[in-house]
Amino acid sequence: MEEKNSQRRSGASPRTVLAVGFIYLAVGLLFGDIWGGAQHSLSVFDAFHQWYFYAAGTTWLNTRWLGVPTEKCPLDMWVYQEIIYETKPDVIIDSGTYKGGSALFFASMCDLLNRGRVLSIDIYAYPDRPEHKRITYLLGSSTSDEVLAKVKDAIRPGDKVMVCLDSDHHKAHVHNELRLYSSIVTVGNYLVVEDTDINGHPVYSRSGPGPMEAVLEFLKTNSNYVQDRSREKFGVTLFPGGWLKRVR
C-alpha cells in the first residue's frame, strides 16, 4: 500500500482518550442540550470521534466487509452506499487497496445495482486480497504515469466515474492525486478524500499536514468541486470536508 495509514498509527493512550471521551460525553449530555434536537454539542461528537480513532484495535482496525478488513467507519461505509446508489457510477477508482476490503465493498454495491466496476490501486499486492469479477487490481503508485494511463484506458466513453483516495496520507501526495484525478471524475459524481480527520481534525494532531490540508489547498484553485457537508449527517465521519462533489 502507498504507506496507507502510516500517519494513523500513533497518538495518545487509548485508555486516556476513552476516559476523557466519556467525561466529555457526560458533560455534553448534561449541558449540551443534545436531546433537544436544535442544538448539538460539538464536544460530544469530537469526544466520540477521538475515542473511536484511538480505540483502533476494537473499532476501525477491526471492521470487516464479508470477512475482509476495510479500516473504515461503518457510518462512512453507509454514506458510500447511498452515494453509489444515487449516482450509479460505472467506474469506482479505489486508491489504496491494502487488504482489499474497500474494493470488495464497492464491488458488492455494484453487484446489488447490477452495474459498475472497481479499479483498485496499490504499490503492494497483499496476499489473500479478495478476487471478484468486478475488481481489477493495478500495481503501482496512483500518481505514476503508468498507472494513470491504465486507469484512463479502462474508462469507456460515457462512463460515470467516482474516485476514492485512501493511500499515502501526506499532503503532497494527496494534493498530487487530487490534481491528477479531479478531471477524471464526471460531473455529479464524487471525489472522496479519506482520513481528513488527522492532523488535529480532530485526531492525531502530530501527523503533520495531510489530507485535510491537501483538500483546502486544492479547493482554492478548483471551483469544479464543493464540499458536500450533507454527507456528514451522522455527526461523525473520518472524512470531514472530504466528500467532494463535482458540480461543473
Protein backbone atom coordinates (compact mmCIF):
# COMPACT_ATOMS: atom_id res chain seq x y z
CA MET A 1 0.00 0.00 0.00
CA GLU A 2 1.13 3.58 -0.51
CA GLU A 3 2.06 3.98 3.17
CA LYS A 4 -1.65 3.82 3.87
CA ASN A 5 -2.49 4.73 7.45
CA SER A 6 1.19 5.38 8.25
CA GLN A 7 0.00 8.62 9.85
CA ARG A 8 -2.83 6.98 11.76
CA ARG A 9 -0.96 4.50 13.96
CA SER A 10 0.30 6.72 16.77
CA GLY A 11 -1.23 9.02 19.35
CA ALA A 12 -2.43 9.26 22.92
CA SER A 13 -3.14 6.19 25.01
CA PRO A 14 -6.50 4.66 24.03
CA ARG A 15 -7.41 4.33 27.72
CA THR A 16 -6.66 8.01 28.34
CA VAL A 17 -8.70 9.12 25.36
CA LEU A 18 -11.51 6.73 26.31
CA ALA A 19 -11.69 8.22 29.81
CA VAL A 20 -11.59 11.78 28.51
CA GLY A 21 -14.15 10.90 25.87
CA PHE A 22 -16.64 9.61 28.41
CA ILE A 23 -16.11 12.70 30.57
CA TYR A 24 -16.90 14.91 27.59
CA LEU A 25 -19.86 12.74 26.74
CA ALA A 26 -21.25 13.05 30.27
CA VAL A 27 -20.78 16.81 30.24
CA GLY A 28 -22.38 17.02 26.81
CA LEU A 29 -25.38 15.01 27.92
CA LEU A 30 -25.85 17.23 30.97
CA PHE A 31 -25.19 20.62 29.42
CA GLY A 32 -25.10 20.26 25.65
CA ASP A 33 -28.86 20.10 25.05
CA ILE A 34 -28.19 17.25 22.63
CA TRP A 35 -31.54 15.62 23.28
CA GLY A 36 -33.46 18.75 22.29
CA GLY A 37 -32.60 18.31 18.64
CA ALA A 38 -32.00 22.01 17.98
CA GLN A 39 -28.55 22.38 19.48
CA HIS A 40 -25.74 19.84 19.36
CA SER A 41 -22.58 19.85 21.41
CA LEU A 42 -19.55 19.57 19.15
CA SER A 43 -17.52 18.33 22.09
CA VAL A 44 -19.69 15.21 22.22
CA PHE A 45 -19.08 14.44 18.55
CA ASP A 46 -15.35 15.13 18.86
CA ALA A 47 -15.09 13.03 22.02
CA PHE A 48 -16.71 10.06 20.31
CA HIS A 49 -14.57 10.60 17.23
CA GLN A 50 -11.40 10.62 19.32
CA TRP A 51 -12.44 7.53 21.26
CA TYR A 52 -13.28 5.72 18.02
CA PHE A 53 -9.94 6.65 16.46
CA TYR A 54 -7.68 5.78 19.41
CA ALA A 55 -9.57 2.58 20.27
CA ALA A 56 -8.45 1.40 16.84
CA GLY A 57 -7.95 -2.23 17.80
CA THR A 58 -11.63 -2.67 18.54
CA THR A 59 -13.03 -0.14 16.07
CA TRP A 60 -11.72 0.81 12.62
CA LEU A 61 -8.85 -1.69 12.63
CA ASN A 62 -11.39 -4.39 13.47
CA THR A 63 -14.02 -3.56 10.85
CA ARG A 64 -14.56 -6.04 8.02
CA TRP A 65 -16.72 -6.43 4.96
CA LEU A 66 -17.51 -10.08 4.25
CA GLY A 67 -14.52 -11.02 6.40
CA VAL A 68 -12.03 -8.66 4.73
CA PRO A 69 -10.54 -5.69 6.69
CA THR A 70 -11.74 -2.29 5.48
CA GLU A 71 -10.23 0.05 8.11
CA LYS A 72 -13.27 2.30 7.75
CA CYS A 73 -16.06 3.60 9.95
CA PRO A 74 -19.40 1.88 9.23
CA LEU A 75 -21.06 5.32 9.15
CA ASP A 76 -18.85 6.30 6.22
CA MET A 77 -19.48 2.98 4.50
CA TRP A 78 -23.22 3.64 4.79
CA VAL A 79 -22.76 7.06 3.19
CA TYR A 80 -20.71 5.45 0.42
CA GLN A 81 -23.57 3.08 -0.43
CA GLU A 82 -26.01 5.99 -0.52
CA ILE A 83 -23.76 7.88 -2.94
CA ILE A 84 -23.22 4.82 -5.12
CA TYR A 85 -26.97 4.19 -5.30
CA GLU A 86 -27.73 7.84 -6.08
CA THR A 87 -25.01 8.40 -8.69
CA LYS A 88 -24.64 4.85 -10.07
CA PRO A 89 -21.01 5.17 -11.20
CA ASP A 90 -19.75 2.87 -13.94
CA VAL A 91 -16.20 3.04 -12.58
CA ILE A 92 -15.07 3.42 -8.97
CA ILE A 93 -11.36 4.16 -8.60
CA ASP A 94 -10.08 2.96 -5.22
CA SER A 95 -6.64 4.39 -4.45
CA GLY A 96 -5.10 2.40 -1.59
CA THR A 97 -6.13 -1.25 -1.86
CA TYR A 98 -4.42 -2.53 1.30
CA LYS A 99 -6.13 -5.86 2.03
CA GLY A 100 -8.98 -5.22 -0.37
CA GLY A 101 -11.92 -4.68 1.97
CA SER A 102 -12.95 -1.38 0.43
CA ALA A 103 -12.64 -2.73 -3.10
CA LEU A 104 -14.82 -5.70 -2.16
CA PHE A 105 -17.37 -3.42 -0.50
CA PHE A 106 -17.58 -1.25 -3.62
CA ALA A 107 -17.86 -4.33 -5.83
CA SER A 108 -20.66 -5.67 -3.63
CA MET A 109 -22.56 -2.41 -4.06
CA CYS A 110 -22.07 -2.71 -7.82
CA ASP A 111 -23.44 -6.25 -7.66
CA LEU A 112 -26.59 -5.01 -5.95
CA LEU A 113 -27.08 -2.41 -8.68
CA ASN A 114 -26.03 -4.83 -11.43
CA ARG A 115 -23.62 -2.25 -12.85
CA GLY A 116 -20.17 -0.83 -12.27
CA ARG A 117 -16.60 -2.00 -11.81
CA VAL A 118 -13.74 -1.17 -9.45
CA LEU A 119 -10.15 -0.21 -10.27
CA SER A 120 -8.12 -0.66 -7.08
CA ILE A 121 -4.58 0.71 -6.88
CA ASP A 122 -1.69 -0.02 -4.51
CA ILE A 123 2.09 -0.20 -4.57
CA TYR A 124 1.98 -3.59 -2.85
CA ALA A 125 -0.08 -6.67 -3.67
CA TYR A 126 -1.14 -8.04 -0.30
CA PRO A 127 -1.71 -11.80 -0.17
CA ASP A 128 -5.26 -13.11 0.07
CA ARG A 129 -6.84 -9.96 -1.26
CA PRO A 130 -10.37 -10.81 -2.47
CA GLU A 131 -11.00 -11.81 -6.04
CA HIS A 132 -14.16 -10.51 -7.64
CA LYS A 133 -15.29 -10.25 -11.24
CA ARG A 134 -15.86 -6.51 -10.88
CA ILE A 135 -12.44 -5.72 -9.34
CA THR A 136 -9.29 -5.00 -11.34
CA TYR A 137 -6.14 -4.54 -9.26
CA LEU A 138 -3.45 -2.16 -10.52
CA LEU A 139 0.03 -2.42 -9.02
CA GLY A 140 1.97 0.82 -8.67
CA SER A 141 1.68 4.34 -7.34
CA SER A 142 -1.61 6.09 -8.00
CA THR A 143 0.35 9.12 -9.21
CA SER A 144 2.64 7.29 -11.64
CA ASP A 145 2.27 7.85 -15.37
CA GLU A 146 1.93 4.10 -15.94
CA VAL A 147 -0.94 3.59 -13.50
CA LEU A 148 -2.72 6.76 -14.57
CA ALA A 149 -2.56 5.61 -18.20
CA LYS A 150 -4.09 2.23 -17.26
CA VAL A 151 -6.87 3.97 -15.35
CA LYS A 152 -7.72 6.21 -18.29
CA ASP A 153 -7.60 3.28 -20.72
CA ALA A 154 -10.11 1.39 -18.56
CA ILE A 155 -12.66 4.20 -18.68
CA ARG A 156 -15.03 3.96 -21.63
CA PRO A 157 -16.71 6.90 -23.36
CA GLY A 158 -19.80 7.87 -21.40
CA ASP A 159 -18.73 6.14 -18.17
CA LYS A 160 -19.65 7.86 -14.92
CA VAL A 161 -16.59 7.89 -12.66
CA MET A 162 -16.14 8.14 -8.89
CA VAL A 163 -12.75 8.34 -7.13
CA CYS A 164 -11.82 7.44 -3.53
CA LEU A 165 -8.38 8.45 -2.21
CA ASP A 166 -7.01 6.39 0.68
CA SER A 167 -3.33 5.74 0.04
CA ASP A 168 -0.36 7.79 1.25
CA HIS A 169 -1.82 10.44 3.55
CA HIS A 170 0.95 13.04 3.29
CA LYS A 171 -0.28 16.38 1.97
CA ALA A 172 1.96 16.47 -1.09
CA HIS A 173 0.85 13.03 -2.26
CA VAL A 174 -2.85 13.65 -1.68
CA HIS A 175 -2.68 17.01 -3.43
CA ASN A 176 -0.97 15.37 -6.39
CA GLU A 177 -3.73 12.74 -6.51
CA LEU A 178 -6.34 15.48 -6.44
CA ARG A 179 -4.60 17.27 -9.29
CA LEU A 180 -4.40 14.12 -11.41
CA TYR A 181 -7.77 12.52 -10.69
CA SER A 182 -10.08 15.51 -10.36
CA SER A 183 -10.51 15.74 -14.13
CA ILE A 184 -11.41 12.04 -14.35
CA VAL A 185 -14.44 12.29 -12.06
CA THR A 186 -17.60 13.05 -14.02
CA VAL A 187 -19.93 15.93 -13.18
CA GLY A 188 -22.41 14.92 -10.48
CA ASN A 189 -20.11 12.27 -9.06
CA TYR A 190 -17.76 12.29 -6.08
CA LEU A 191 -14.06 12.51 -5.35
CA VAL A 192 -13.77 11.32 -1.75
CA VAL A 193 -10.63 12.18 0.21
CA GLU A 194 -10.43 9.83 3.17
CA ASP A 195 -8.90 10.37 6.63
CA THR A 196 -9.11 14.15 6.57
CA ASP A 197 -9.58 13.86 10.34
CA ILE A 198 -5.86 13.50 11.08
CA ASN A 199 -3.53 16.38 11.98
CA GLY A 200 -5.97 17.60 14.61
CA HIS A 201 -9.28 17.45 12.71
CA PRO A 202 -9.92 16.29 15.45
CA VAL A 203 -7.45 13.39 15.89
CA TYR A 204 -3.72 12.63 15.71
CA SER A 205 -2.51 16.24 15.83
CA ARG A 206 1.13 15.15 15.44
CA SER A 207 0.72 13.64 11.99
CA GLY A 208 1.71 16.76 10.09
CA PRO A 209 -0.11 18.23 7.07
CA GLY A 210 -2.20 15.59 5.36
CA PRO A 211 -5.47 15.02 3.51
CA MET A 212 -7.37 17.95 5.04
CA GLU A 213 -4.64 20.43 4.16
CA ALA A 214 -4.44 18.99 0.64
CA VAL A 215 -8.20 19.40 0.18
CA LEU A 216 -8.20 23.01 1.37
CA GLU A 217 -5.33 23.91 -0.94
CA PHE A 218 -6.97 22.10 -3.87
CA LEU A 219 -10.28 23.93 -3.42
CA LYS A 220 -8.55 27.32 -3.55
CA THR A 221 -7.81 26.81 -7.24
CA ASN A 222 -10.54 24.40 -8.37
CA SER A 223 -14.13 25.62 -8.49
CA ASN A 224 -15.40 22.43 -10.10
CA TYR A 225 -15.83 20.83 -6.67
CA VAL A 226 -17.70 21.63 -3.49
CA GLN A 227 -17.52 20.03 -0.06
CA ASP A 228 -20.81 18.18 0.37
CA ARG A 229 -21.41 18.58 4.10
CA SER A 230 -24.73 16.75 3.82
CA ARG A 231 -22.67 13.54 3.71
CA GLU A 232 -21.56 14.25 7.29
CA LYS A 233 -25.13 13.88 8.57
CA PHE A 234 -24.32 11.24 11.20
CA GLY A 235 -22.20 13.70 13.18
CA VAL A 236 -19.03 11.62 12.93
CA THR A 237 -17.10 10.94 9.76
CA LEU A 238 -13.44 10.08 9.31
CA PHE A 239 -13.55 12.20 6.14
CA PRO A 240 -14.71 15.65 7.38
CA GLY A 241 -14.69 18.06 4.47
CA GLY A 242 -13.51 15.23 2.24
CA TRP A 243 -16.78 14.38 0.47
CA LEU A 244 -16.10 16.41 -2.67
CA LYS A 245 -18.83 16.59 -5.31
CA ARG A 246 -18.06 17.67 -8.84
CA VAL A 247 -20.60 20.31 -9.82
CA ARG A 248 -19.18 21.56 -13.11
